[in-house]
């Protein structure tokens, strides 16, 4: 049975490309999430559906932390909230455990928040699947390709390499 989770932290074009490249991720929707907490603002993020028998939530969170600035409190954090949007208490507990495990890899504190998923709005259709529709655009080459190269280097066993053949040639 598929599960879903939301992830935010960097440009949703980048995050969509990373998670669309993973074995066990069935679908990725890019857009904006807000948490269920009061006074939450929308922030760029993705919502993904995954098969937990093929890739665990813990592994997805590790990849998420390693592919965005999860320790940086930069000026764009309102637009690019570092967050894991969960749909159940079980996911919340697993996400908090995963963050605690991942913290040991970083000298600076992780700023990623675990929040209850609230409303999700899709980005316009012309931006869906942005990277795989536009891999040669300058933004993709400069911003997304380095993240995908890092993904391939660290998590190659979970990457559908047929989607990233242009990076390995």
C-alpha atoms as a PDB file:
ATOM      1  CA  UNK A   1       0.000   0.000   0.000  1.00  0.00           C
ATOM      2  CA  UNK A   2       1.385   3.394  -0.994  1.00  0.00           C
ATOM      3  CA  UNK A   3       2.056   6.151   1.522  1.00  0.00           C
ATOM      4  CA  UNK A   4       2.392   9.857   0.901  1.00  0.00           C
ATOM      5  CA  UNK A   5       4.536  12.532   2.499  1.00  0.00           C
ATOM      6  CA  UNK A   6       5.438  16.117   1.684  1.00  0.00           C
ATOM      7  CA  UNK A   7       8.973  17.514   1.527  1.00  0.00           C
ATOM      8  CA  UNK A   8      10.122  21.098   1.303  1.00  0.00           C
ATOM      9  CA  UNK A   9      13.436  22.833   1.558  1.00  0.00           C
ATOM     10  CA  UNK A  10      14.548  24.066  -1.806  1.00  0.00           C
ATOM     11  CA  UNK A  11      13.074  24.880  -5.161  1.00  0.00           C
ATOM     12  CA  UNK A  12      10.286  22.447  -5.982  1.00  0.00           C
ATOM     13  CA  UNK A  13      11.805  21.916  -9.443  1.00  0.00           C
ATOM     14  CA  UNK A  14      14.946  20.577  -7.750  1.00  0.00           C
ATOM     15  CA  UNK A  15      13.084  18.484  -5.201  1.00  0.00           C
ATOM     16  CA  UNK A  16      10.739  17.067  -7.842  1.00  0.00           C
ATOM     17  CA  UNK A  17      13.690  15.975 -10.016  1.00  0.00           C
ATOM     18  CA  UNK A  18      15.467  14.285  -7.115  1.00  0.00           C
ATOM     19  CA  UNK A  19      12.497  12.293  -5.854  1.00  0.00           C
ATOM     20  CA  UNK A  20      11.175  11.471  -9.340  1.00  0.00           C
ATOM     21  CA  UNK A  21      14.505   9.711  -9.909  1.00  0.00           C
ATOM     22  CA  UNK A  22      14.111   7.242  -7.050  1.00  0.00           C
ATOM     23  CA  UNK A  23      13.087   3.600  -7.233  1.00  0.00           C
ATOM     24  CA  UNK A  24      10.009   3.101  -5.069  1.00  0.00           C
ATOM     25  CA  UNK A  25       8.636   6.619  -5.555  1.00  0.00           C
ATOM     26  CA  UNK A  26       5.461   6.195  -7.569  1.00  0.00           C
ATOM     27  CA  UNK A  27       4.528   9.849  -8.156  1.00  0.00           C
ATOM     28  CA  UNK A  28       5.661  13.362  -7.321  1.00  0.00           C
ATOM     29  CA  UNK A  29       3.443  16.453  -7.335  1.00  0.00           C
ATOM     30  CA  UNK A  30       5.162  19.813  -7.132  1.00  0.00           C
ATOM     31  CA  UNK A  31       3.590  22.917  -5.732  1.00  0.00           C
ATOM     32  CA  UNK A  32       3.093  24.611  -2.389  1.00  0.00           C
ATOM     33  CA  UNK A  33       2.307  23.169   1.022  1.00  0.00           C
ATOM     34  CA  UNK A  34       1.148  24.771   4.172  1.00  0.00           C
ATOM     35  CA  UNK A  35       1.081  22.933   7.437  1.00  0.00           C
ATOM     36  CA  UNK A  36      -2.112  22.292   9.367  1.00  0.00           C
ATOM     37  CA  UNK A  37      -0.811  24.560  12.143  1.00  0.00           C
ATOM     38  CA  UNK A  38      -2.499  27.909  12.616  1.00  0.00           C
ATOM     39  CA  UNK A  39      -1.106  30.854  10.624  1.00  0.00           C
ATOM     40  CA  UNK A  40       0.991  28.646   8.354  1.00  0.00           C
ATOM     41  CA  UNK A  41       2.062  30.146   5.026  1.00  0.00           C
ATOM     42  CA  UNK A  42       2.451  28.284   1.728  1.00  0.00           C
ATOM     43  CA  UNK A  43       6.004  27.231   0.867  1.00  0.00           C
ATOM     44  CA  UNK A  44       7.470  25.453  -2.182  1.00  0.00           C
ATOM     45  CA  UNK A  45       7.400  21.698  -1.728  1.00  0.00           C
ATOM     46  CA  UNK A  46       6.510  18.357  -3.250  1.00  0.00           C
ATOM     47  CA  UNK A  47       4.024  15.690  -2.299  1.00  0.00           C
ATOM     48  CA  UNK A  48       5.170  12.205  -3.130  1.00  0.00           C
ATOM     49  CA  UNK A  49       3.625   8.767  -3.056  1.00  0.00           C
ATOM     50  CA  UNK A  50       5.977   5.907  -2.323  1.00  0.00           C
ATOM     51  CA  UNK A  51       6.007   2.181  -1.729  1.00  0.00           C
ATOM     52  CA  UNK A  52       7.453   1.641   1.771  1.00  0.00           C
ATOM     53  CA  UNK A  53       8.373  -1.933   0.810  1.00  0.00           C
ATOM     54  CA  UNK A  54      10.758  -0.529  -1.828  1.00  0.00           C
ATOM     55  CA  UNK A  55      12.004   2.642  -0.107  1.00  0.00           C
ATOM     56  CA  UNK A  56      11.498   3.640   3.509  1.00  0.00           C
ATOM     57  CA  UNK A  57      10.412   6.982   4.880  1.00  0.00           C
ATOM     58  CA  UNK A  58      13.698   7.073   6.830  1.00  0.00           C
ATOM     59  CA  UNK A  59      15.664   6.716   3.600  1.00  0.00           C
ATOM     60  CA  UNK A  60      13.556   9.359   1.833  1.00  0.00           C
ATOM     61  CA  UNK A  61      14.227  11.781   4.678  1.00  0.00           C
ATOM     62  CA  UNK A  62      17.971  11.045   4.582  1.00  0.00           C
ATOM     63  CA  UNK A  63      17.983  11.848   0.864  1.00  0.00           C
ATOM     64  CA  UNK A  64      15.948  14.992   1.491  1.00  0.00           C
ATOM     65  CA  UNK A  65      18.366  16.243   4.155  1.00  0.00           C
ATOM     66  CA  UNK A  66      21.405  15.496   1.990  1.00  0.00           C
ATOM     67  CA  UNK A  67      20.036  17.278  -1.092  1.00  0.00           C
ATOM     68  CA  UNK A  68      19.063  20.680   0.292  1.00  0.00           C
ATOM     69  CA  UNK A  69      20.492  23.211   2.726  1.00  0.00           C
ATOM     70  CA  UNK A  70      18.961  21.622   5.811  1.00  0.00           C
ATOM     71  CA  UNK A  71      21.166  23.587   8.224  1.00  0.00           C
ATOM     72  CA  UNK A  72      20.987  26.998   6.544  1.00  0.00           C
ATOM     73  CA  UNK A  73      18.774  29.787   7.906  1.00  0.00           C
ATOM     74  CA  UNK A  74      18.970  31.876   4.709  1.00  0.00           C
ATOM     75  CA  UNK A  75      16.751  34.799   3.773  1.00  0.00           C
ATOM     76  CA  UNK A  76      14.498  32.676   1.514  1.00  0.00           C
ATOM     77  CA  UNK A  77      13.422  30.213   4.251  1.00  0.00           C
ATOM     78  CA  UNK A  78       9.834  31.448   4.214  1.00  0.00           C
ATOM     79  CA  UNK A  79       9.535  30.522   0.531  1.00  0.00           C
ATOM     80  CA  UNK A  80      11.687  27.401   0.932  1.00  0.00           C
ATOM     81  CA  UNK A  81      10.697  26.048   4.353  1.00  0.00           C
ATOM     82  CA  UNK A  82      12.809  23.042   5.344  1.00  0.00           C
ATOM     83  CA  UNK A  83      10.026  20.667   6.298  1.00  0.00           C
ATOM     84  CA  UNK A  84       8.602  17.177   6.295  1.00  0.00           C
ATOM     85  CA  UNK A  85       4.815  17.252   5.933  1.00  0.00           C
ATOM     86  CA  UNK A  86       3.378  14.144   7.612  1.00  0.00           C
ATOM     87  CA  UNK A  87      -0.057  12.559   7.387  1.00  0.00           C
ATOM     88  CA  UNK A  88      -0.114  10.495  10.601  1.00  0.00           C
ATOM     89  CA  UNK A  89       1.346  10.247  14.080  1.00  0.00           C
ATOM     90  CA  UNK A  90       3.296   7.185  12.949  1.00  0.00           C
ATOM     91  CA  UNK A  91       4.900   9.214  10.166  1.00  0.00           C
ATOM     92  CA  UNK A  92       5.645  12.029  12.622  1.00  0.00           C
ATOM     93  CA  UNK A  93       7.441   9.624  14.976  1.00  0.00           C
ATOM     94  CA  UNK A  94       9.385   8.022  12.096  1.00  0.00           C
ATOM     95  CA  UNK A  95      10.338  11.436  10.694  1.00  0.00           C
ATOM     96  CA  UNK A  96      11.587  12.701  14.056  1.00  0.00           C
ATOM     97  CA  UNK A  97      13.653   9.531  14.505  1.00  0.00           C
ATOM     98  CA  UNK A  98      15.066   9.879  10.989  1.00  0.00           C
ATOM     99  CA  UNK A  99      16.064  13.496  11.658  1.00  0.00           C
ATOM    100  CA  UNK A 100      17.766  12.506  14.910  1.00  0.00           C
ATOM    101  CA  UNK A 101      19.716   9.804  13.087  1.00  0.00           C
ATOM    102  CA  UNK A 102      20.693  12.165  10.282  1.00  0.00           C
ATOM    103  CA  UNK A 103      21.791  14.915  12.681  1.00  0.00           C
ATOM    104  CA  UNK A 104      24.889  12.836  13.496  1.00  0.00           C
ATOM    105  CA  UNK A 105      26.133  13.510   9.938  1.00  0.00           C
ATOM    106  CA  UNK A 106      26.063  17.297  10.408  1.00  0.00           C
ATOM    107  CA  UNK A 107      28.040  19.637  12.670  1.00  0.00           C
ATOM    108  CA  UNK A 108      25.371  22.364  12.501  1.00  0.00           C
ATOM    109  CA  UNK A 109      21.829  21.721  13.736  1.00  0.00           C
ATOM    110  CA  UNK A 110      19.248  20.612  11.204  1.00  0.00           C
ATOM    111  CA  UNK A 111      16.487  23.213  10.894  1.00  0.00           C
ATOM    112  CA  UNK A 112      14.021  20.852   9.203  1.00  0.00           C
ATOM    113  CA  UNK A 113      10.619  20.871  10.906  1.00  0.00           C
ATOM    114  CA  UNK A 114       8.198  17.958  11.058  1.00  0.00           C
ATOM    115  CA  UNK A 115       4.701  19.363  10.607  1.00  0.00           C
ATOM    116  CA  UNK A 116       1.240  18.025   9.917  1.00  0.00           C
ATOM    117  CA  UNK A 117       0.373  18.260   6.228  1.00  0.00           C
ATOM    118  CA  UNK A 118      -2.228  20.871   5.484  1.00  0.00           C
ATOM    119  CA  UNK A 119      -3.429  22.230   2.163  1.00  0.00           C
ATOM    120  CA  UNK A 120      -1.435  21.465  -0.981  1.00  0.00           C
ATOM    121  CA  UNK A 121      -1.698  23.501  -4.209  1.00  0.00           C
ATOM    122  CA  UNK A 122      -0.208  22.230  -7.462  1.00  0.00           C
ATOM    123  CA  UNK A 123       2.062  24.503  -9.426  1.00  0.00           C
ATOM    124  CA  UNK A 124       0.827  25.288 -12.975  1.00  0.00           C
ATOM    125  CA  UNK A 125       0.916  22.372 -15.405  1.00  0.00           C
ATOM    126  CA  UNK A 126       3.690  23.917 -17.551  1.00  0.00           C
ATOM    127  CA  UNK A 127       6.028  23.597 -14.533  1.00  0.00           C
ATOM    128  CA  UNK A 128       5.170  20.006 -13.626  1.00  0.00           C
ATOM    129  CA  UNK A 129       7.991  17.563 -14.398  1.00  0.00           C
ATOM    130  CA  UNK A 130      10.074  20.658 -15.074  1.00  0.00           C
ATOM    131  CA  UNK A 131      13.537  19.133 -15.021  1.00  0.00           C
ATOM    132  CA  UNK A 132      12.778  16.127 -17.210  1.00  0.00           C
ATOM    133  CA  UNK A 133      10.978  18.378 -19.698  1.00  0.00           C
ATOM    134  CA  UNK A 134      13.807  20.973 -19.742  1.00  0.00           C
ATOM    135  CA  UNK A 135      17.127  19.305 -18.737  1.00  0.00           C
ATOM    136  CA  UNK A 136      19.206  21.647 -20.914  1.00  0.00           C
ATOM    137  CA  UNK A 137      17.806  24.905 -19.539  1.00  0.00           C
ATOM    138  CA  UNK A 138      20.458  26.900 -17.663  1.00  0.00           C
ATOM    139  CA  UNK A 139      18.646  26.618 -14.314  1.00  0.00           C
ATOM    140  CA  UNK A 140      18.536  22.837 -14.647  1.00  0.00           C
ATOM    141  CA  UNK A 141      22.182  22.584 -15.623  1.00  0.00           C
ATOM    142  CA  UNK A 142      23.423  24.953 -12.907  1.00  0.00           C
ATOM    143  CA  UNK A 143      21.100  24.154  -9.973  1.00  0.00           C
ATOM    144  CA  UNK A 144      19.550  20.723 -10.452  1.00  0.00           C
ATOM    145  CA  UNK A 145      22.309  18.701 -12.137  1.00  0.00           C
ATOM    146  CA  UNK A 146      24.730  19.094  -9.193  1.00  0.00           C
ATOM    147  CA  UNK A 147      22.035  17.856  -6.783  1.00  0.00           C
ATOM    148  CA  UNK A 148      21.289  14.880  -9.036  1.00  0.00           C
ATOM    149  CA  UNK A 149      25.011  14.118  -9.302  1.00  0.00           C
ATOM    150  CA  UNK A 150      25.214  14.126  -5.490  1.00  0.00           C
ATOM    151  CA  UNK A 151      22.158  11.851  -5.377  1.00  0.00           C
ATOM    152  CA  UNK A 152      23.817   9.418  -7.792  1.00  0.00           C
ATOM    153  CA  UNK A 153      27.069   9.440  -5.826  1.00  0.00           C
ATOM    154  CA  UNK A 154      25.490   8.813  -2.419  1.00  0.00           C
ATOM    155  CA  UNK A 155      22.327   6.850  -3.154  1.00  0.00           C
ATOM    156  CA  UNK A 156      22.995   5.121  -6.496  1.00  0.00           C
ATOM    157  CA  UNK A 157      21.333   1.848  -5.412  1.00  0.00           C
ATOM    158  CA  UNK A 158      17.994   3.639  -5.078  1.00  0.00           C
ATOM    159  CA  UNK A 159      18.216   5.752  -8.237  1.00  0.00           C
ATOM    160  CA  UNK A 160      16.510   4.781 -11.464  1.00  0.00           C
ATOM    161  CA  UNK A 161      19.640   5.429 -13.517  1.00  0.00           C
ATOM    162  CA  UNK A 162      17.679   5.221 -16.790  1.00  0.00           C
ATOM    163  CA  UNK A 163      16.230   8.637 -15.892  1.00  0.00           C
ATOM    164  CA  UNK A 164      19.668  10.188 -15.400  1.00  0.00           C
ATOM    165  CA  UNK A 165      21.705   8.721 -18.248  1.00  0.00           C
ATOM    166  CA  UNK A 166      22.617  12.247 -19.446  1.00  0.00           C
ATOM    167  CA  UNK A 167      24.550  12.769 -16.174  1.00  0.00           C
ATOM    168  CA  UNK A 168      26.568   9.582 -16.431  1.00  0.00           C
ATOM    169  CA  UNK A 169      27.677   9.887 -20.058  1.00  0.00           C
END
